[in-house]
N, C-alpha and C. Protein backbone atom coordinates (compact mmCIF):
# COMPACT_ATOMS: atom_id res chain seq x y z
N MET A 1 49.01 -22.54 10.68
CA MET A 1 49.95 -21.71 10.28
C MET A 1 50.04 -20.50 10.96
N THR A 2 51.13 -19.98 11.55
CA THR A 2 51.15 -18.68 12.26
C THR A 2 50.99 -17.44 11.36
N ASP A 3 50.69 -16.41 11.79
CA ASP A 3 50.51 -15.25 11.08
C ASP A 3 51.75 -14.89 10.61
N CYS A 4 51.67 -14.19 9.19
CA CYS A 4 52.95 -13.68 8.79
C CYS A 4 53.43 -12.26 9.47
N ARG A 5 54.59 -12.04 9.68
CA ARG A 5 55.24 -10.71 10.40
C ARG A 5 56.08 -10.00 9.60
N LEU A 6 56.37 -8.87 9.89
CA LEU A 6 57.47 -8.10 9.30
C LEU A 6 58.79 -8.30 9.67
N TYR A 7 59.66 -8.31 8.98
CA TYR A 7 61.16 -8.56 9.30
C TYR A 7 61.65 -7.22 8.53
N LEU A 8 62.27 -6.40 9.42
CA LEU A 8 62.78 -5.06 8.85
C LEU A 8 64.18 -5.12 8.58
N ILE A 9 64.66 -4.58 7.47
CA ILE A 9 65.98 -4.66 7.29
C ILE A 9 66.53 -3.04 7.08
N THR A 10 67.51 -2.80 7.88
CA THR A 10 68.01 -1.17 7.69
C THR A 10 68.53 -0.91 6.45
N PRO A 11 68.40 0.37 6.05
CA PRO A 11 69.00 0.95 4.77
C PRO A 11 70.53 0.54 4.95
N PRO A 12 71.16 0.41 3.50
CA PRO A 12 72.61 0.02 3.65
C PRO A 12 73.57 1.09 4.00
N LYS A 13 72.95 2.29 4.01
CA LYS A 13 73.70 3.45 4.75
C LYS A 13 72.67 4.25 5.53
N LEU A 14 73.21 4.62 6.63
CA LEU A 14 72.40 5.43 7.52
C LEU A 14 73.02 6.51 8.38
N ASP A 15 72.32 7.52 8.62
CA ASP A 15 72.96 8.49 9.62
C ASP A 15 72.35 8.30 11.04
N LEU A 16 73.23 7.86 11.99
CA LEU A 16 72.91 7.29 13.03
C LEU A 16 71.91 8.32 13.99
N ALA A 17 72.22 9.60 13.92
CA ALA A 17 71.46 10.56 14.71
C ALA A 17 70.11 10.68 14.38
N SER A 18 69.79 10.74 12.97
CA SER A 18 68.37 10.70 12.67
C SER A 18 67.84 9.34 12.50
N PHE A 19 68.66 8.43 12.21
CA PHE A 19 67.89 7.02 11.89
C PHE A 19 67.43 6.44 13.30
N LYS A 20 68.00 6.76 14.28
CA LYS A 20 67.60 6.14 15.74
C LYS A 20 66.29 6.52 16.14
N PRO A 21 65.97 7.77 16.12
CA PRO A 21 64.57 8.14 16.38
C PRO A 21 63.48 7.72 15.29
N LEU A 22 63.96 7.68 13.93
CA LEU A 22 63.13 7.15 12.81
C LEU A 22 62.73 5.72 13.11
N LEU A 23 63.85 4.84 13.53
CA LEU A 23 63.53 3.40 13.61
C LEU A 23 62.47 3.27 15.02
N ALA A 24 62.69 3.89 15.98
CA ALA A 24 61.77 3.78 17.28
C ALA A 24 60.34 4.29 16.77
N ALA A 25 59.98 5.25 15.90
CA ALA A 25 58.87 5.59 15.41
C ALA A 25 58.26 4.61 14.51
N THR A 26 59.12 3.94 13.70
CA THR A 26 58.63 2.95 12.96
C THR A 26 58.25 1.69 13.52
N LEU A 27 58.99 1.28 14.43
CA LEU A 27 58.74 -0.18 15.20
C LEU A 27 57.49 0.45 16.18
N ASP A 28 57.11 1.60 16.57
CA ASP A 28 56.04 1.90 17.36
C ASP A 28 54.75 1.90 16.53
N ALA A 29 54.92 1.79 15.05
CA ALA A 29 53.73 2.02 14.25
C ALA A 29 53.06 0.96 13.84
N GLY A 30 53.43 -0.27 14.38
CA GLY A 30 52.72 -1.71 14.20
C GLY A 30 53.68 -2.82 14.35
N ASP A 31 53.25 -4.00 14.35
CA ASP A 31 53.87 -5.17 14.62
C ASP A 31 54.96 -5.37 13.68
N VAL A 32 56.23 -5.58 14.31
CA VAL A 32 57.55 -6.02 13.69
C VAL A 32 58.32 -6.90 14.45
N ALA A 33 58.45 -7.95 13.80
CA ALA A 33 58.98 -9.25 14.47
C ALA A 33 60.62 -9.05 14.84
N CYS A 34 61.20 -8.56 13.69
CA CYS A 34 62.70 -8.21 14.11
C CYS A 34 63.41 -7.15 13.06
N VAL A 35 64.47 -6.89 13.42
CA VAL A 35 65.28 -5.82 12.62
C VAL A 35 66.59 -6.42 12.32
N GLN A 36 66.94 -6.50 11.18
CA GLN A 36 68.28 -6.87 10.65
C GLN A 36 69.14 -5.58 10.39
N LEU A 37 70.29 -5.60 11.07
CA LEU A 37 71.22 -4.50 10.85
C LEU A 37 72.12 -4.91 9.60
N ARG A 38 72.07 -4.18 8.42
CA ARG A 38 72.77 -4.78 7.20
C ARG A 38 73.46 -3.42 6.72
N LEU A 39 74.56 -3.23 7.02
CA LEU A 39 75.41 -1.95 6.54
C LEU A 39 76.43 -2.44 5.68
N LYS A 40 76.69 -1.54 4.65
CA LYS A 40 77.51 -1.77 3.61
C LYS A 40 78.71 -0.94 3.74
N ASP A 41 79.90 -1.47 3.50
CA ASP A 41 81.16 -0.95 3.37
C ASP A 41 81.37 0.15 4.69
N VAL A 42 81.27 -0.49 5.73
CA VAL A 42 81.75 0.24 6.97
C VAL A 42 82.48 -0.73 7.78
N GLY A 43 83.52 -0.07 8.65
CA GLY A 43 84.56 -0.86 9.51
C GLY A 43 83.80 -1.51 10.57
N ASP A 44 84.43 -2.30 11.34
CA ASP A 44 83.96 -3.01 12.53
C ASP A 44 83.52 -2.11 13.52
N ASP A 45 84.39 -0.95 13.77
CA ASP A 45 84.04 0.02 14.85
C ASP A 45 82.66 0.75 14.67
N ALA A 46 82.42 0.91 13.14
CA ALA A 46 81.24 1.76 13.08
C ALA A 46 80.15 0.84 13.24
N VAL A 47 80.41 -0.52 12.87
CA VAL A 47 79.16 -1.41 12.88
C VAL A 47 78.87 -1.64 14.46
N LYS A 48 79.88 -1.55 15.37
CA LYS A 48 79.86 -1.74 16.77
C LYS A 48 79.05 -0.65 17.40
N ARG A 49 79.19 0.46 16.88
CA ARG A 49 78.66 1.94 17.37
C ARG A 49 77.08 1.75 17.08
N VAL A 50 76.82 1.28 15.74
CA VAL A 50 75.36 1.24 15.41
C VAL A 50 74.75 0.16 16.16
N ILE A 51 75.38 -0.96 16.33
CA ILE A 51 74.63 -1.91 17.29
C ILE A 51 74.37 -1.49 18.72
N ASP A 52 75.25 -0.73 19.27
CA ASP A 52 75.06 -0.13 20.58
C ASP A 52 73.96 0.78 20.69
N ALA A 53 73.94 1.64 19.53
CA ALA A 53 72.64 2.59 19.57
C ALA A 53 71.41 1.94 19.13
N LEU A 54 71.34 1.17 18.25
CA LEU A 54 69.89 0.66 17.81
C LEU A 54 69.57 -0.78 18.48
N ARG A 55 70.45 -1.47 19.01
CA ARG A 55 69.74 -2.66 19.51
C ARG A 55 68.85 -2.49 20.71
N PRO A 56 69.20 -1.38 21.68
CA PRO A 56 68.27 -1.33 22.60
C PRO A 56 66.81 -0.73 22.03
N VAL A 57 66.99 -0.05 21.08
CA VAL A 57 65.66 0.53 20.30
C VAL A 57 64.73 -0.59 19.98
N ALA A 58 65.31 -1.72 19.47
CA ALA A 58 64.56 -2.74 19.15
C ALA A 58 64.19 -3.60 20.35
N GLN A 59 65.09 -3.93 21.29
CA GLN A 59 64.95 -4.99 22.31
C GLN A 59 63.94 -4.53 23.24
N GLU A 60 64.08 -3.05 23.49
CA GLU A 60 63.04 -2.55 24.50
C GLU A 60 61.62 -2.63 24.00
N ARG A 61 61.52 -3.04 22.54
CA ARG A 61 59.97 -3.16 22.34
C ARG A 61 59.63 -4.55 21.89
N ASP A 62 60.66 -5.44 22.46
CA ASP A 62 60.44 -6.87 22.26
C ASP A 62 60.58 -7.19 20.64
N VAL A 63 61.50 -6.45 19.98
CA VAL A 63 61.66 -6.74 18.62
C VAL A 63 63.25 -7.38 18.56
N ALA A 64 63.36 -8.56 18.01
CA ALA A 64 64.67 -9.14 17.94
C ALA A 64 65.62 -8.36 17.21
N PHE A 65 66.80 -8.17 17.50
CA PHE A 65 67.77 -7.49 16.71
C PHE A 65 68.90 -8.21 16.16
N ILE A 66 68.95 -8.48 15.01
CA ILE A 66 69.86 -9.31 14.15
C ILE A 66 70.84 -8.67 13.31
N LEU A 67 71.99 -9.18 13.25
CA LEU A 67 73.31 -8.68 12.53
C LEU A 67 73.36 -9.47 11.09
N ASN A 68 73.61 -8.87 10.20
CA ASN A 68 73.88 -9.47 8.92
C ASN A 68 75.51 -9.94 8.92
N ASP A 69 75.53 -11.16 8.29
CA ASP A 69 76.99 -11.56 8.07
C ASP A 69 77.88 -11.91 9.10
N ARG A 70 77.96 -11.20 10.29
CA ARG A 70 79.02 -11.38 11.13
C ARG A 70 78.76 -11.82 12.50
N PRO A 71 78.71 -13.09 12.75
CA PRO A 71 78.40 -13.58 14.16
C PRO A 71 79.35 -13.23 15.31
N ASP A 72 80.59 -12.96 14.83
CA ASP A 72 81.57 -12.47 15.92
C ASP A 72 81.15 -11.07 16.45
N LEU A 73 80.65 -10.07 15.73
CA LEU A 73 80.21 -8.93 15.96
C LEU A 73 78.88 -8.94 16.62
N ALA A 74 78.05 -9.85 16.07
CA ALA A 74 76.78 -10.14 16.80
C ALA A 74 76.82 -10.62 18.22
N ALA A 75 77.55 -11.60 18.36
CA ALA A 75 77.79 -12.08 19.73
C ALA A 75 78.32 -11.10 20.65
N ALA A 76 79.44 -10.48 20.19
CA ALA A 76 80.04 -9.39 21.03
C ALA A 76 79.11 -8.33 21.41
N GLY A 77 78.41 -8.09 20.44
CA GLY A 77 77.45 -6.77 20.73
C GLY A 77 76.11 -7.11 21.33
N GLY A 78 75.73 -8.20 21.78
CA GLY A 78 74.41 -8.51 22.36
C GLY A 78 73.36 -8.86 21.44
N CYS A 79 73.73 -8.99 20.19
CA CYS A 79 72.54 -9.24 19.35
C CYS A 79 71.81 -10.38 19.73
N ASP A 80 70.45 -10.41 19.26
CA ASP A 80 69.61 -11.67 19.53
C ASP A 80 69.92 -12.61 18.35
N GLY A 81 70.66 -12.40 17.39
CA GLY A 81 70.82 -13.41 16.23
C GLY A 81 71.80 -12.76 15.14
N VAL A 82 72.05 -13.77 14.17
CA VAL A 82 72.65 -13.24 13.03
C VAL A 82 72.08 -13.92 11.77
N HIS A 83 72.23 -13.30 10.68
CA HIS A 83 71.75 -13.87 9.35
C HIS A 83 73.10 -14.06 8.49
N VAL A 84 73.07 -15.38 8.04
CA VAL A 84 74.31 -15.59 6.97
C VAL A 84 73.77 -15.96 5.63
N GLY A 85 74.60 -15.47 4.75
CA GLY A 85 74.40 -15.83 3.49
C GLY A 85 75.22 -17.19 3.00
N GLN A 86 75.07 -17.58 1.91
CA GLN A 86 75.76 -18.69 1.38
C GLN A 86 77.28 -18.55 1.11
N ASP A 87 77.78 -17.14 0.97
CA ASP A 87 79.21 -16.83 0.90
C ASP A 87 79.62 -16.26 2.30
N ASP A 88 78.97 -16.31 3.27
CA ASP A 88 79.38 -15.75 4.64
C ASP A 88 79.97 -16.95 5.45
N THR A 89 79.84 -16.58 6.72
CA THR A 89 80.37 -17.67 7.76
C THR A 89 79.18 -18.82 7.66
N PRO A 90 80.04 -20.10 7.51
CA PRO A 90 79.02 -21.24 7.34
C PRO A 90 78.05 -21.35 8.48
N TYR A 91 76.85 -21.97 8.54
CA TYR A 91 76.00 -22.16 9.52
C TYR A 91 76.61 -22.65 10.82
N ALA A 92 77.20 -23.69 10.73
CA ALA A 92 77.90 -24.57 11.94
C ALA A 92 78.67 -23.53 12.76
N GLN A 93 79.47 -22.79 12.07
CA GLN A 93 80.46 -21.97 12.53
C GLN A 93 79.65 -20.62 13.30
N ALA A 94 78.69 -20.14 12.62
CA ALA A 94 77.79 -19.21 13.08
C ALA A 94 77.25 -19.70 14.43
N ARG A 95 76.64 -20.80 14.43
CA ARG A 95 75.92 -21.44 15.57
C ARG A 95 76.79 -21.39 16.95
N LYS A 96 78.04 -21.87 16.59
CA LYS A 96 79.18 -22.13 17.49
C LYS A 96 79.46 -20.83 18.09
N ILE A 97 79.55 -19.73 17.30
CA ILE A 97 79.86 -18.42 17.67
C ILE A 97 78.69 -17.71 18.67
N MET A 98 77.58 -17.91 18.12
CA MET A 98 76.28 -17.33 18.60
C MET A 98 75.84 -18.04 19.72
N GLY A 99 75.99 -19.35 20.04
CA GLY A 99 75.31 -20.06 20.96
C GLY A 99 73.86 -20.76 20.63
N ARG A 100 73.68 -21.67 21.44
CA ARG A 100 72.31 -22.38 21.09
C ARG A 100 71.18 -21.63 21.18
N ASP A 101 71.03 -20.44 21.90
CA ASP A 101 69.73 -19.80 22.05
C ASP A 101 69.61 -18.83 21.19
N ALA A 102 70.66 -18.30 20.62
CA ALA A 102 70.51 -17.14 19.54
C ALA A 102 69.73 -17.63 18.25
N ILE A 103 69.38 -16.58 17.49
CA ILE A 103 68.60 -16.92 16.07
C ILE A 103 69.92 -16.86 15.20
N VAL A 104 69.79 -17.82 14.45
CA VAL A 104 70.55 -18.02 13.10
C VAL A 104 69.84 -18.31 11.95
N GLY A 105 69.80 -17.29 11.06
CA GLY A 105 69.05 -17.48 9.85
C GLY A 105 69.93 -17.65 8.61
N VAL A 106 69.44 -18.48 7.61
CA VAL A 106 70.24 -18.57 6.33
C VAL A 106 69.71 -18.26 5.18
N THR A 107 70.38 -17.65 4.34
CA THR A 107 69.90 -17.24 2.83
C THR A 107 70.07 -18.51 2.12
N CYS A 108 68.95 -18.90 1.44
CA CYS A 108 68.90 -20.09 0.65
C CYS A 108 68.54 -19.73 -0.82
N HIS A 109 68.41 -18.52 -1.22
CA HIS A 109 68.01 -17.90 -2.64
C HIS A 109 66.98 -18.76 -3.02
N ASP A 110 66.80 -19.43 -4.19
CA ASP A 110 65.62 -20.21 -4.81
C ASP A 110 66.04 -21.64 -4.57
N SER A 111 66.98 -22.06 -3.74
CA SER A 111 67.11 -23.47 -3.77
C SER A 111 66.57 -24.45 -2.57
N ARG A 112 65.72 -25.27 -2.98
CA ARG A 112 65.21 -26.17 -2.11
C ARG A 112 66.12 -27.07 -1.37
N HIS A 113 67.40 -27.41 -2.03
CA HIS A 113 68.40 -28.13 -1.48
C HIS A 113 69.05 -27.44 -0.35
N LEU A 114 69.35 -26.15 -0.64
CA LEU A 114 70.01 -25.51 0.46
C LEU A 114 69.14 -25.22 1.54
N ALA A 115 67.93 -24.96 1.31
CA ALA A 115 66.91 -24.92 2.50
C ALA A 115 66.84 -26.02 3.24
N MET A 116 66.87 -27.23 2.68
CA MET A 116 66.54 -28.25 3.40
C MET A 116 67.88 -28.73 4.01
N VAL A 117 69.04 -28.35 3.75
CA VAL A 117 70.27 -28.58 4.30
C VAL A 117 70.25 -27.75 5.53
N ALA A 118 70.00 -26.42 5.36
CA ALA A 118 70.02 -25.34 6.50
C ALA A 118 68.98 -25.87 7.51
N GLY A 119 67.80 -26.22 7.31
CA GLY A 119 66.83 -26.78 8.06
C GLY A 119 67.33 -28.01 8.92
N GLU A 120 67.97 -28.86 8.27
CA GLU A 120 68.27 -30.04 8.95
C GLU A 120 69.52 -29.70 9.75
N ASP A 121 70.34 -28.79 9.47
CA ASP A 121 71.73 -28.36 10.22
C ASP A 121 70.93 -27.66 11.52
N GLY A 122 69.81 -27.09 11.59
CA GLY A 122 69.32 -26.53 12.87
C GLY A 122 69.02 -24.99 12.67
N ALA A 123 69.17 -24.40 11.50
CA ALA A 123 68.84 -22.96 11.34
C ALA A 123 67.48 -22.60 11.64
N ASP A 124 67.37 -21.37 12.35
CA ASP A 124 66.26 -20.91 13.05
C ASP A 124 65.04 -20.41 11.78
N TYR A 125 65.53 -20.11 10.77
CA TYR A 125 64.74 -19.74 9.86
C TYR A 125 65.40 -19.89 8.46
N VAL A 126 64.83 -20.00 7.25
CA VAL A 126 65.42 -19.89 5.95
C VAL A 126 64.88 -18.96 5.26
N ALA A 127 65.77 -18.25 4.30
CA ALA A 127 65.33 -16.91 3.62
C ALA A 127 65.31 -17.38 2.00
N PHE A 128 64.19 -17.09 1.22
CA PHE A 128 64.08 -17.39 0.07
C PHE A 128 63.94 -16.07 -0.64
N GLY A 129 64.65 -16.00 -1.86
CA GLY A 129 64.53 -14.77 -2.70
C GLY A 129 65.64 -14.57 -3.69
N ALA A 130 65.41 -13.53 -4.61
CA ALA A 130 64.69 -12.41 -4.47
C ALA A 130 63.43 -12.78 -5.28
N PHE A 131 62.37 -12.24 -4.60
CA PHE A 131 60.73 -12.50 -5.36
C PHE A 131 60.57 -11.58 -6.42
N PHE A 132 61.17 -10.16 -6.11
CA PHE A 132 60.80 -9.05 -7.17
C PHE A 132 62.06 -8.49 -7.41
N GLU A 133 61.96 -7.41 -8.33
CA GLU A 133 63.08 -6.52 -8.70
C GLU A 133 63.50 -5.84 -7.49
N THR A 134 64.79 -5.79 -7.25
CA THR A 134 65.27 -5.05 -5.80
C THR A 134 66.52 -4.14 -6.29
N ALA A 135 66.29 -2.94 -5.53
CA ALA A 135 67.45 -2.02 -5.86
C ALA A 135 68.34 -2.00 -4.72
N THR A 136 68.13 -2.78 -3.72
CA THR A 136 68.90 -2.83 -2.30
C THR A 136 70.31 -3.68 -2.69
N LYS A 137 70.19 -4.67 -3.22
CA LYS A 137 71.33 -5.41 -3.62
C LYS A 137 71.03 -6.24 -4.88
N GLU A 138 72.22 -6.68 -5.71
CA GLU A 138 72.04 -7.53 -6.95
C GLU A 138 71.67 -9.02 -6.45
N PRO A 139 70.47 -9.37 -6.80
CA PRO A 139 69.94 -10.74 -6.39
C PRO A 139 70.75 -11.67 -7.22
N LYS A 140 71.15 -12.86 -6.18
CA LYS A 140 71.74 -13.96 -6.99
C LYS A 140 70.91 -14.97 -7.75
N ALA A 141 69.55 -14.79 -7.27
CA ALA A 141 68.52 -15.76 -7.82
C ALA A 141 66.97 -15.18 -7.85
N ARG A 142 66.24 -15.69 -8.51
CA ARG A 142 64.82 -15.15 -8.51
C ARG A 142 64.01 -16.45 -8.03
N ALA A 143 63.27 -16.15 -7.03
CA ALA A 143 62.28 -17.26 -6.54
C ALA A 143 60.99 -16.97 -6.96
N GLU A 144 60.28 -18.02 -6.96
CA GLU A 144 58.69 -17.98 -7.29
C GLU A 144 58.02 -18.45 -5.85
N PRO A 145 56.85 -17.62 -5.79
CA PRO A 145 56.04 -17.81 -4.45
C PRO A 145 55.78 -19.25 -4.13
N GLU A 146 55.62 -20.30 -5.07
CA GLU A 146 55.34 -21.61 -4.78
C GLU A 146 56.29 -22.36 -3.79
N ILE A 147 57.66 -21.73 -3.88
CA ILE A 147 58.59 -22.28 -3.07
C ILE A 147 58.36 -22.05 -1.47
N LEU A 148 57.62 -21.20 -1.25
CA LEU A 148 56.98 -20.76 0.00
C LEU A 148 56.06 -21.84 0.49
N SER A 149 55.14 -22.16 -0.41
CA SER A 149 53.89 -23.10 -0.12
C SER A 149 54.62 -24.47 0.14
N TRP A 150 55.73 -24.86 -0.83
CA TRP A 150 56.38 -26.09 -0.81
C TRP A 150 56.98 -26.25 0.66
N TRP A 151 57.75 -25.28 1.04
CA TRP A 151 58.36 -25.31 2.41
C TRP A 151 57.53 -25.50 3.44
N GLN A 152 56.29 -24.74 3.50
CA GLN A 152 55.26 -24.85 4.57
C GLN A 152 54.86 -26.37 4.67
N GLU A 153 54.79 -27.13 3.54
CA GLU A 153 54.23 -28.43 3.56
C GLU A 153 55.32 -29.40 4.09
N MET A 154 56.53 -29.05 3.83
CA MET A 154 57.81 -29.97 4.26
C MET A 154 58.26 -29.73 5.75
N MET A 155 58.17 -28.41 6.20
CA MET A 155 59.08 -28.24 7.26
C MET A 155 58.50 -27.20 8.29
N GLU A 156 58.73 -27.45 9.54
CA GLU A 156 58.05 -26.53 10.50
C GLU A 156 58.91 -25.04 10.62
N ILE A 157 60.17 -25.17 10.10
CA ILE A 157 60.97 -24.00 10.49
C ILE A 157 60.46 -22.92 9.48
N PRO A 158 60.43 -21.63 10.20
CA PRO A 158 59.79 -20.66 9.55
C PRO A 158 60.70 -20.18 8.21
N CYS A 159 59.83 -19.74 7.36
CA CYS A 159 60.54 -19.01 5.98
C CYS A 159 60.18 -17.67 5.83
N VAL A 160 61.42 -16.97 5.38
CA VAL A 160 61.32 -15.50 5.18
C VAL A 160 61.42 -15.19 3.62
N ALA A 161 60.65 -14.37 3.21
CA ALA A 161 60.48 -14.02 1.67
C ALA A 161 61.28 -12.64 1.56
N ILE A 162 62.22 -12.63 0.68
CA ILE A 162 63.02 -11.25 0.73
C ILE A 162 63.26 -10.96 -0.83
N GLY A 163 63.33 -9.64 -1.06
CA GLY A 163 63.76 -9.12 -2.34
C GLY A 163 62.72 -8.34 -3.11
N GLY A 164 62.72 -7.08 -2.99
CA GLY A 164 61.81 -6.21 -3.58
C GLY A 164 60.33 -6.15 -3.17
N VAL A 165 60.37 -6.77 -1.84
CA VAL A 165 58.86 -6.84 -1.29
C VAL A 165 58.35 -5.27 -0.91
N THR A 166 57.39 -5.08 -1.52
CA THR A 166 56.58 -3.84 -1.28
C THR A 166 54.94 -4.02 -0.71
N VAL A 167 54.38 -2.79 -0.23
CA VAL A 167 53.16 -3.26 0.26
C VAL A 167 52.05 -3.53 -0.91
N GLU A 168 52.57 -3.10 -2.06
CA GLU A 168 51.78 -3.54 -3.39
C GLU A 168 51.74 -4.89 -3.65
N ASN A 169 52.81 -5.42 -3.72
CA ASN A 169 53.17 -7.00 -4.14
C ASN A 169 53.31 -7.97 -3.27
N CYS A 170 53.23 -7.64 -1.73
CA CYS A 170 53.41 -8.69 -0.83
C CYS A 170 52.48 -9.81 -0.58
N ARG A 171 51.03 -9.40 -0.94
CA ARG A 171 50.02 -10.26 -0.68
C ARG A 171 50.18 -11.72 -1.06
N VAL A 172 50.86 -11.86 -2.22
CA VAL A 172 50.91 -13.10 -2.76
C VAL A 172 51.93 -14.13 -2.11
N LEU A 173 52.90 -13.38 -1.61
CA LEU A 173 53.88 -14.07 -0.69
C LEU A 173 53.35 -14.51 0.53
N VAL A 174 52.43 -13.53 1.41
CA VAL A 174 51.64 -13.94 2.50
C VAL A 174 50.80 -15.15 2.16
N GLU A 175 50.06 -15.03 1.17
CA GLU A 175 49.13 -16.17 0.73
C GLU A 175 49.92 -17.41 0.30
N ALA A 176 51.05 -17.37 -0.04
CA ALA A 176 51.90 -18.52 -0.55
C ALA A 176 52.35 -19.16 0.74
N GLY A 177 52.51 -18.56 1.94
CA GLY A 177 52.99 -19.15 3.17
C GLY A 177 54.19 -18.60 3.81
N ALA A 178 54.66 -17.23 3.46
CA ALA A 178 55.88 -16.61 3.99
C ALA A 178 55.46 -16.51 5.64
N ASP A 179 56.28 -16.84 6.35
CA ASP A 179 56.24 -16.61 7.85
C ASP A 179 56.59 -15.07 8.25
N PHE A 180 57.55 -14.69 7.39
CA PHE A 180 58.11 -13.11 7.57
C PHE A 180 58.24 -12.53 6.23
N LEU A 181 57.91 -11.33 6.17
CA LEU A 181 58.30 -10.52 4.93
C LEU A 181 59.44 -9.71 5.02
N ALA A 182 60.72 -9.91 4.67
CA ALA A 182 61.85 -9.16 4.93
C ALA A 182 61.75 -8.08 3.96
N VAL A 183 61.85 -6.79 4.60
CA VAL A 183 61.33 -5.40 3.80
C VAL A 183 62.60 -4.36 4.23
N SER A 184 63.19 -3.82 3.04
CA SER A 184 64.02 -2.62 3.45
C SER A 184 63.45 -1.45 2.57
N GLY A 185 63.76 -1.27 1.38
CA GLY A 185 63.16 -0.12 0.43
C GLY A 185 61.67 -0.01 0.60
N GLY A 186 61.04 -1.06 0.78
CA GLY A 186 59.64 -1.17 0.81
C GLY A 186 59.09 -0.39 1.95
N VAL A 187 59.78 -0.18 2.95
CA VAL A 187 59.49 0.65 4.22
C VAL A 187 60.24 1.94 4.23
N TRP A 188 61.52 1.99 4.09
CA TRP A 188 62.22 3.14 4.21
C TRP A 188 61.90 4.21 2.94
N ASN A 189 61.67 3.60 1.99
CA ASN A 189 61.29 4.56 0.85
C ASN A 189 59.94 4.72 0.53
N HIS A 190 58.97 4.47 1.41
CA HIS A 190 57.66 4.46 1.16
C HIS A 190 57.22 5.83 1.02
N LYS A 191 56.29 6.11 0.11
CA LYS A 191 55.90 7.41 -0.19
C LYS A 191 55.39 8.32 1.00
N ASP A 192 54.73 7.51 1.89
CA ASP A 192 54.12 8.34 3.11
C ASP A 192 55.10 8.03 4.33
N GLY A 193 56.21 7.48 4.27
CA GLY A 193 57.13 7.47 5.30
C GLY A 193 56.88 5.96 5.87
N PRO A 194 58.09 5.63 6.62
CA PRO A 194 58.30 4.31 7.05
C PRO A 194 57.06 3.83 8.07
N ALA A 195 56.81 4.62 9.09
CA ALA A 195 55.48 4.30 9.85
C ALA A 195 54.34 3.86 9.18
N ALA A 196 54.11 4.72 8.05
CA ALA A 196 52.94 4.47 7.26
C ALA A 196 53.08 3.27 6.51
N ALA A 197 54.23 2.75 6.14
CA ALA A 197 54.63 1.44 5.49
C ALA A 197 54.32 0.28 6.55
N VAL A 198 54.67 0.41 7.55
CA VAL A 198 54.56 -0.60 8.62
C VAL A 198 53.06 -0.92 8.82
N LYS A 199 52.43 0.35 8.95
CA LYS A 199 50.89 0.04 9.07
C LYS A 199 50.19 -0.55 7.88
N ALA A 200 50.63 -0.11 6.70
CA ALA A 200 50.16 -0.72 5.45
C ALA A 200 50.43 -2.27 5.20
N PHE A 201 51.70 -2.41 5.56
CA PHE A 201 51.90 -4.01 5.56
C PHE A 201 51.40 -4.78 6.39
N ASN A 202 51.13 -4.30 7.73
CA ASN A 202 50.18 -5.06 8.60
C ASN A 202 48.94 -5.39 8.12
N ALA A 203 48.29 -4.11 7.55
CA ALA A 203 46.88 -4.41 6.96
C ALA A 203 46.81 -5.27 5.98
N VAL A 204 47.71 -5.41 5.11
CA VAL A 204 47.69 -6.43 3.83
C VAL A 204 47.89 -7.74 4.75
N ILE A 205 48.69 -7.97 5.65
CA ILE A 205 48.84 -9.24 6.32
C ILE A 205 47.59 -9.65 6.88
N ALA A 206 46.94 -8.81 7.55
CA ALA A 206 45.77 -9.14 8.34
C ALA A 206 44.65 -9.51 7.30
N GLY A 207 44.64 -8.91 6.15
CA GLY A 207 43.41 -9.03 5.16
C GLY A 207 43.88 -10.29 4.30
N ALA A 208 45.13 -10.76 4.15
CA ALA A 208 45.34 -11.91 3.30
C ALA A 208 44.79 -13.15 3.94
């Protein structure tokens, strides 16, 4: 099994001028596999501006830059991939828009069936969760760590653990077989700051 890595999700609202250097410092603090831009209640032009500002920060550090929900904007903005939920653009359509070489990940909640379908369709990863209480968004389902172990036995495609993941609770997910820990508040709201959070997550991953 490959080592687990961090999958960083941006805060739902951000101030671009202050967030850009913060993101750079956070990515410089330790291993991060990818950054997902997930903004709430903003128009397309605002999303495009944020992509143009933040995508280079990630890509210059060999960190994949993924947009949530919108394959059209992801493709147009030069993103490395897109993440789609069950209520967003269907996988096949997202893949068609993004192209064969882009990353397309799919939310599967706590459903083994949805994950198998996504995997067989060609998704680059499946995301399970929420595993813990989360303030970022209202979870549609609660998942148990054993679903990660089951997935590792069944499929080669990476799995992402999402939902309320913090430095304090993530070890069980790493040990269960998560390939990636998707973290938002657990990094941005960390008591010692995001850079310290990245270091702490990587320490837990290394020790698990």
